[in-house]
Structure formats: C-alpha cells, structure tokens
C-alpha cells in the first residue's frame, strides 16, 4: 500500500489507528481506539474493539476526499484540511499562524496526548528549518 502524506493537522496517517482500522481491519488498533469511541459516545461503556469494527470506520487518509469522508471518517477535523488547502500548504506546521487557537484547542483536547506530541514535532521541525 502506498505511503500517505501527513494529514493537515500533522498526524502521520500511516501511523493513525483510525486509518489502520479502515485500511487493514486491524483489531489491535480497534481496541486502542475504543476509549476514544467511548468518550465520543459512539460505543457503550463496556464495548471494545469489536464495537469499533462494527461501526465500520472510514478513513483513507486526510487528503482522500469523498462525500463519505465528511460523514463517516470520525476525525471531525476537515477544517484543518480546508484551511491548508486555502493557504496552499501541506499541513498546519507550514502555516505562519501555527499554532492557531483552533489548533491549540485540538492539541490540548483531554485524552489526546498524541495531538500534543504532533504539535511539538511540528514546532521542532519549524525551528530546525530556521537554522
């Protein structure tokens, strides 16, 4: 399978659980997503990976755009992609306004430590480009 480019938010889609569940029907990744699905109210408190798989998640990467993606992928951050497209950049880390208020809200969302790590990686990459 072809390696996907970074999502607009900076997450490596190739390492994203939502993408792996879609592309590879990976039950271990589905189990890892169960807490997030529970927090979003998409599955019950006592449900796990099987319930995640039953929801039939649809994520083919941030830049794979179809009408279904807007309704079924689950990430809910199409606005990052739209903003990057409007600014003609590959991801938020290339933006002169990075990290904007919306990105900071996303990065500091409770239970999503990986969002904060992505932000830190993008900030570090920007610093390296300055040198």
C-alpha atoms as a PDB file:
ATOM      1  CA  UNK A   1       0.000   0.000   0.000  1.00  0.00           C
ATOM      2  CA  UNK A   2       1.206   3.478  -0.896  1.00  0.00           C
ATOM      3  CA  UNK A   3       2.527   5.625   1.949  1.00  0.00           C
ATOM      4  CA  UNK A   4       0.181   8.526   2.700  1.00  0.00           C
ATOM      5  CA  UNK A   5       1.384  12.085   3.215  1.00  0.00           C
ATOM      6  CA  UNK A   6       0.917  13.835   6.552  1.00  0.00           C
ATOM      7  CA  UNK A   7      -2.598  14.842   7.467  1.00  0.00           C
ATOM      8  CA  UNK A   8      -3.340  18.562   7.501  1.00  0.00           C
ATOM      9  CA  UNK A   9      -3.060  18.532  11.312  1.00  0.00           C
ATOM     10  CA  UNK A  10       0.398  16.947  11.038  1.00  0.00           C
ATOM     11  CA  UNK A  11      -0.517  13.425  12.151  1.00  0.00           C
ATOM     12  CA  UNK A  12       1.184  10.719  10.113  1.00  0.00           C
ATOM     13  CA  UNK A  13      -1.837   8.965   8.620  1.00  0.00           C
ATOM     14  CA  UNK A  14       0.280   5.836   8.170  1.00  0.00           C
ATOM     15  CA  UNK A  15       0.533   5.569  11.964  1.00  0.00           C
ATOM     16  CA  UNK A  16      -3.052   6.599  12.768  1.00  0.00           C
ATOM     17  CA  UNK A  17      -5.291   3.975  14.386  1.00  0.00           C
ATOM     18  CA  UNK A  18      -8.390   5.190  12.557  1.00  0.00           C
ATOM     19  CA  UNK A  19      -6.618   4.749   9.206  1.00  0.00           C
ATOM     20  CA  UNK A  20      -5.196   1.349  10.179  1.00  0.00           C
ATOM     21  CA  UNK A  21      -8.616   0.067  11.214  1.00  0.00           C
ATOM     22  CA  UNK A  22     -10.019   1.136   7.844  1.00  0.00           C
ATOM     23  CA  UNK A  23      -7.144   0.020   5.638  1.00  0.00           C
ATOM     24  CA  UNK A  24      -6.109  -3.188   7.396  1.00  0.00           C
ATOM     25  CA  UNK A  25      -9.115  -4.075   9.590  1.00  0.00           C
ATOM     26  CA  UNK A  26      -6.591  -4.151  12.454  1.00  0.00           C
ATOM     27  CA  UNK A  27      -8.320  -5.409  15.621  1.00  0.00           C
ATOM     28  CA  UNK A  28      -5.486  -4.294  17.927  1.00  0.00           C
ATOM     29  CA  UNK A  29      -5.833  -0.746  16.612  1.00  0.00           C
ATOM     30  CA  UNK A  30      -9.625  -1.010  17.028  1.00  0.00           C
ATOM     31  CA  UNK A  31      -9.106  -1.962  20.677  1.00  0.00           C
ATOM     32  CA  UNK A  32      -6.811   1.050  21.039  1.00  0.00           C
ATOM     33  CA  UNK A  33      -9.498   3.338  19.626  1.00  0.00           C
ATOM     34  CA  UNK A  34     -12.228   2.023  21.934  1.00  0.00           C
ATOM     35  CA  UNK A  35     -11.563   4.621  24.656  1.00  0.00           C
ATOM     36  CA  UNK A  36     -11.864   7.464  22.162  1.00  0.00           C
ATOM     37  CA  UNK A  37     -15.041   5.969  20.692  1.00  0.00           C
ATOM     38  CA  UNK A  38     -16.489   5.654  24.210  1.00  0.00           C
ATOM     39  CA  UNK A  39     -15.566   9.263  25.040  1.00  0.00           C
ATOM     40  CA  UNK A  40     -17.320  10.414  21.866  1.00  0.00           C
ATOM     41  CA  UNK A  41     -20.423   8.395  22.747  1.00  0.00           C
ATOM     42  CA  UNK A  42     -20.094   6.250  19.636  1.00  0.00           C
ATOM     43  CA  UNK A  43     -19.954   2.969  21.587  1.00  0.00           C
ATOM     44  CA  UNK A  44     -21.140   1.908  25.037  1.00  0.00           C
ATOM     45  CA  UNK A  45     -19.079   1.979  28.229  1.00  0.00           C
ATOM     46  CA  UNK A  46     -18.494  -1.781  28.209  1.00  0.00           C
ATOM     47  CA  UNK A  47     -17.819  -2.127  24.488  1.00  0.00           C
ATOM     48  CA  UNK A  48     -14.393  -2.522  22.913  1.00  0.00           C
ATOM     49  CA  UNK A  49     -12.633  -3.225  19.652  1.00  0.00           C
ATOM     50  CA  UNK A  50     -15.427  -5.341  18.229  1.00  0.00           C
ATOM     51  CA  UNK A  51     -17.849  -2.425  18.602  1.00  0.00           C
ATOM     52  CA  UNK A  52     -15.344  -0.103  16.924  1.00  0.00           C
ATOM     53  CA  UNK A  53     -15.072  -2.514  13.988  1.00  0.00           C
ATOM     54  CA  UNK A  54     -18.867  -2.805  13.822  1.00  0.00           C
ATOM     55  CA  UNK A  55     -19.060   0.969  13.305  1.00  0.00           C
ATOM     56  CA  UNK A  56     -17.126   0.347  10.079  1.00  0.00           C
ATOM     57  CA  UNK A  57     -14.810   3.356  10.382  1.00  0.00           C
ATOM     58  CA  UNK A  58     -13.906   5.061   7.121  1.00  0.00           C
ATOM     59  CA  UNK A  59     -10.568   6.839   6.942  1.00  0.00           C
ATOM     60  CA  UNK A  60      -8.411   6.674   3.853  1.00  0.00           C
ATOM     61  CA  UNK A  61      -6.147   9.500   4.917  1.00  0.00           C
ATOM     62  CA  UNK A  62      -6.764  13.193   5.391  1.00  0.00           C
ATOM     63  CA  UNK A  63      -6.278  14.092   1.740  1.00  0.00           C
ATOM     64  CA  UNK A  64      -8.534  11.368   0.353  1.00  0.00           C
ATOM     65  CA  UNK A  65     -11.647  13.421  -0.231  1.00  0.00           C
ATOM     66  CA  UNK A  66     -15.058  11.909  -0.896  1.00  0.00           C
ATOM     67  CA  UNK A  67     -18.507  12.814   0.347  1.00  0.00           C
ATOM     68  CA  UNK A  68     -18.457   9.725   2.610  1.00  0.00           C
ATOM     69  CA  UNK A  69     -15.392  11.058   4.407  1.00  0.00           C
ATOM     70  CA  UNK A  70     -17.293  14.043   5.713  1.00  0.00           C
ATOM     71  CA  UNK A  71     -19.869  11.794   7.333  1.00  0.00           C
ATOM     72  CA  UNK A  72     -18.044   8.612   8.307  1.00  0.00           C
ATOM     73  CA  UNK A  73     -14.328   9.100   8.979  1.00  0.00           C
ATOM     74  CA  UNK A  74     -14.749  10.228  12.559  1.00  0.00           C
ATOM     75  CA  UNK A  75     -11.804  12.601  12.890  1.00  0.00           C
ATOM     76  CA  UNK A  76     -14.000  15.666  12.546  1.00  0.00           C
ATOM     77  CA  UNK A  77     -11.129  17.951  11.583  1.00  0.00           C
ATOM     78  CA  UNK A  78     -11.831  18.632   7.945  1.00  0.00           C
ATOM     79  CA  UNK A  79     -11.457  22.315   8.757  1.00  0.00           C
ATOM     80  CA  UNK A  80      -7.671  21.819   9.055  1.00  0.00           C
ATOM     81  CA  UNK A  81      -7.621  20.356   5.556  1.00  0.00           C
ATOM     82  CA  UNK A  82      -9.761  23.189   4.181  1.00  0.00           C
ATOM     83  CA  UNK A  83      -7.548  25.809   5.815  1.00  0.00           C
ATOM     84  CA  UNK A  84      -4.352  24.186   4.476  1.00  0.00           C
ATOM     85  CA  UNK A  85      -5.873  23.943   1.006  1.00  0.00           C
ATOM     86  CA  UNK A  86      -6.902  27.608   1.102  1.00  0.00           C
ATOM     87  CA  UNK A  87      -3.395  28.620   2.201  1.00  0.00           C
ATOM     88  CA  UNK A  88      -1.755  26.235  -0.279  1.00  0.00           C
ATOM     89  CA  UNK A  89       0.316  24.460   2.384  1.00  0.00           C
ATOM     90  CA  UNK A  90       0.816  20.756   3.082  1.00  0.00           C
ATOM     91  CA  UNK A  91      -0.002  20.812   6.799  1.00  0.00           C
ATOM     92  CA  UNK A  92      -0.580  23.202   9.680  1.00  0.00           C
ATOM     93  CA  UNK A  93       3.090  23.219  10.650  1.00  0.00           C
ATOM     94  CA  UNK A  94       3.879  25.184   7.478  1.00  0.00           C
ATOM     95  CA  UNK A  95       1.480  27.990   8.428  1.00  0.00           C
ATOM     96  CA  UNK A  96       2.784  31.348   9.636  1.00  0.00           C
ATOM     97  CA  UNK A  97      -0.029  31.405  12.210  1.00  0.00           C
ATOM     98  CA  UNK A  98       0.856  27.979  13.645  1.00  0.00           C
ATOM     99  CA  UNK A  99      -0.263  27.057  16.229  1.00  0.00           C
ATOM    100  CA  UNK A 100      -3.519  28.990  15.905  1.00  0.00           C
ATOM    101  CA  UNK A 101      -6.212  28.989  18.597  1.00  0.00           C
ATOM    102  CA  UNK A 102      -8.147  26.210  16.854  1.00  0.00           C
ATOM    103  CA  UNK A 103      -5.044  24.024  16.624  1.00  0.00           C
ATOM    104  CA  UNK A 104      -4.193  24.644  20.282  1.00  0.00           C
ATOM    105  CA  UNK A 105      -7.706  23.585  21.270  1.00  0.00           C
ATOM    106  CA  UNK A 106      -7.268  20.367  19.243  1.00  0.00           C
ATOM    107  CA  UNK A 107      -3.776  19.726  20.641  1.00  0.00           C
ATOM    108  CA  UNK A 108      -4.905  20.165  24.219  1.00  0.00           C
ATOM    109  CA  UNK A 109      -8.062  18.073  23.937  1.00  0.00           C
ATOM    110  CA  UNK A 110      -8.307  15.831  27.004  1.00  0.00           C
ATOM    111  CA  UNK A 111      -7.394  12.244  26.232  1.00  0.00           C
ATOM    112  CA  UNK A 112      -5.485  13.010  23.046  1.00  0.00           C
ATOM    113  CA  UNK A 113      -1.870  13.233  24.143  1.00  0.00           C
ATOM    114  CA  UNK A 114      -0.775  12.270  20.625  1.00  0.00           C
ATOM    115  CA  UNK A 115      -2.217  15.582  19.360  1.00  0.00           C
ATOM    116  CA  UNK A 116       0.108  17.495  21.684  1.00  0.00           C
ATOM    117  CA  UNK A 117       3.067  15.374  20.537  1.00  0.00           C
ATOM    118  CA  UNK A 118       2.269  16.137  16.908  1.00  0.00           C
ATOM    119  CA  UNK A 119       2.203  19.858  17.672  1.00  0.00           C
ATOM    120  CA  UNK A 120       5.562  19.600  19.435  1.00  0.00           C
ATOM    121  CA  UNK A 121       7.034  17.724  16.450  1.00  0.00           C
ATOM    122  CA  UNK A 122       5.786  20.353  14.018  1.00  0.00           C
ATOM    123  CA  UNK A 123       7.168  23.169  16.195  1.00  0.00           C
ATOM    124  CA  UNK A 124      10.538  21.388  16.413  1.00  0.00           C
ATOM    125  CA  UNK A 125      10.610  20.876  12.639  1.00  0.00           C
ATOM    126  CA  UNK A 126       9.908  24.586  12.113  1.00  0.00           C
ATOM    127  CA  UNK A 127      12.781  25.510  14.432  1.00  0.00           C
ATOM    128  CA  UNK A 128      15.113  23.195  12.505  1.00  0.00           C
ATOM    129  CA  UNK A 129      14.118  24.881   9.202  1.00  0.00           C
ATOM    130  CA  UNK A 130      15.067  28.262  10.700  1.00  0.00           C
ATOM    131  CA  UNK A 131      18.626  27.094  11.457  1.00  0.00           C
END
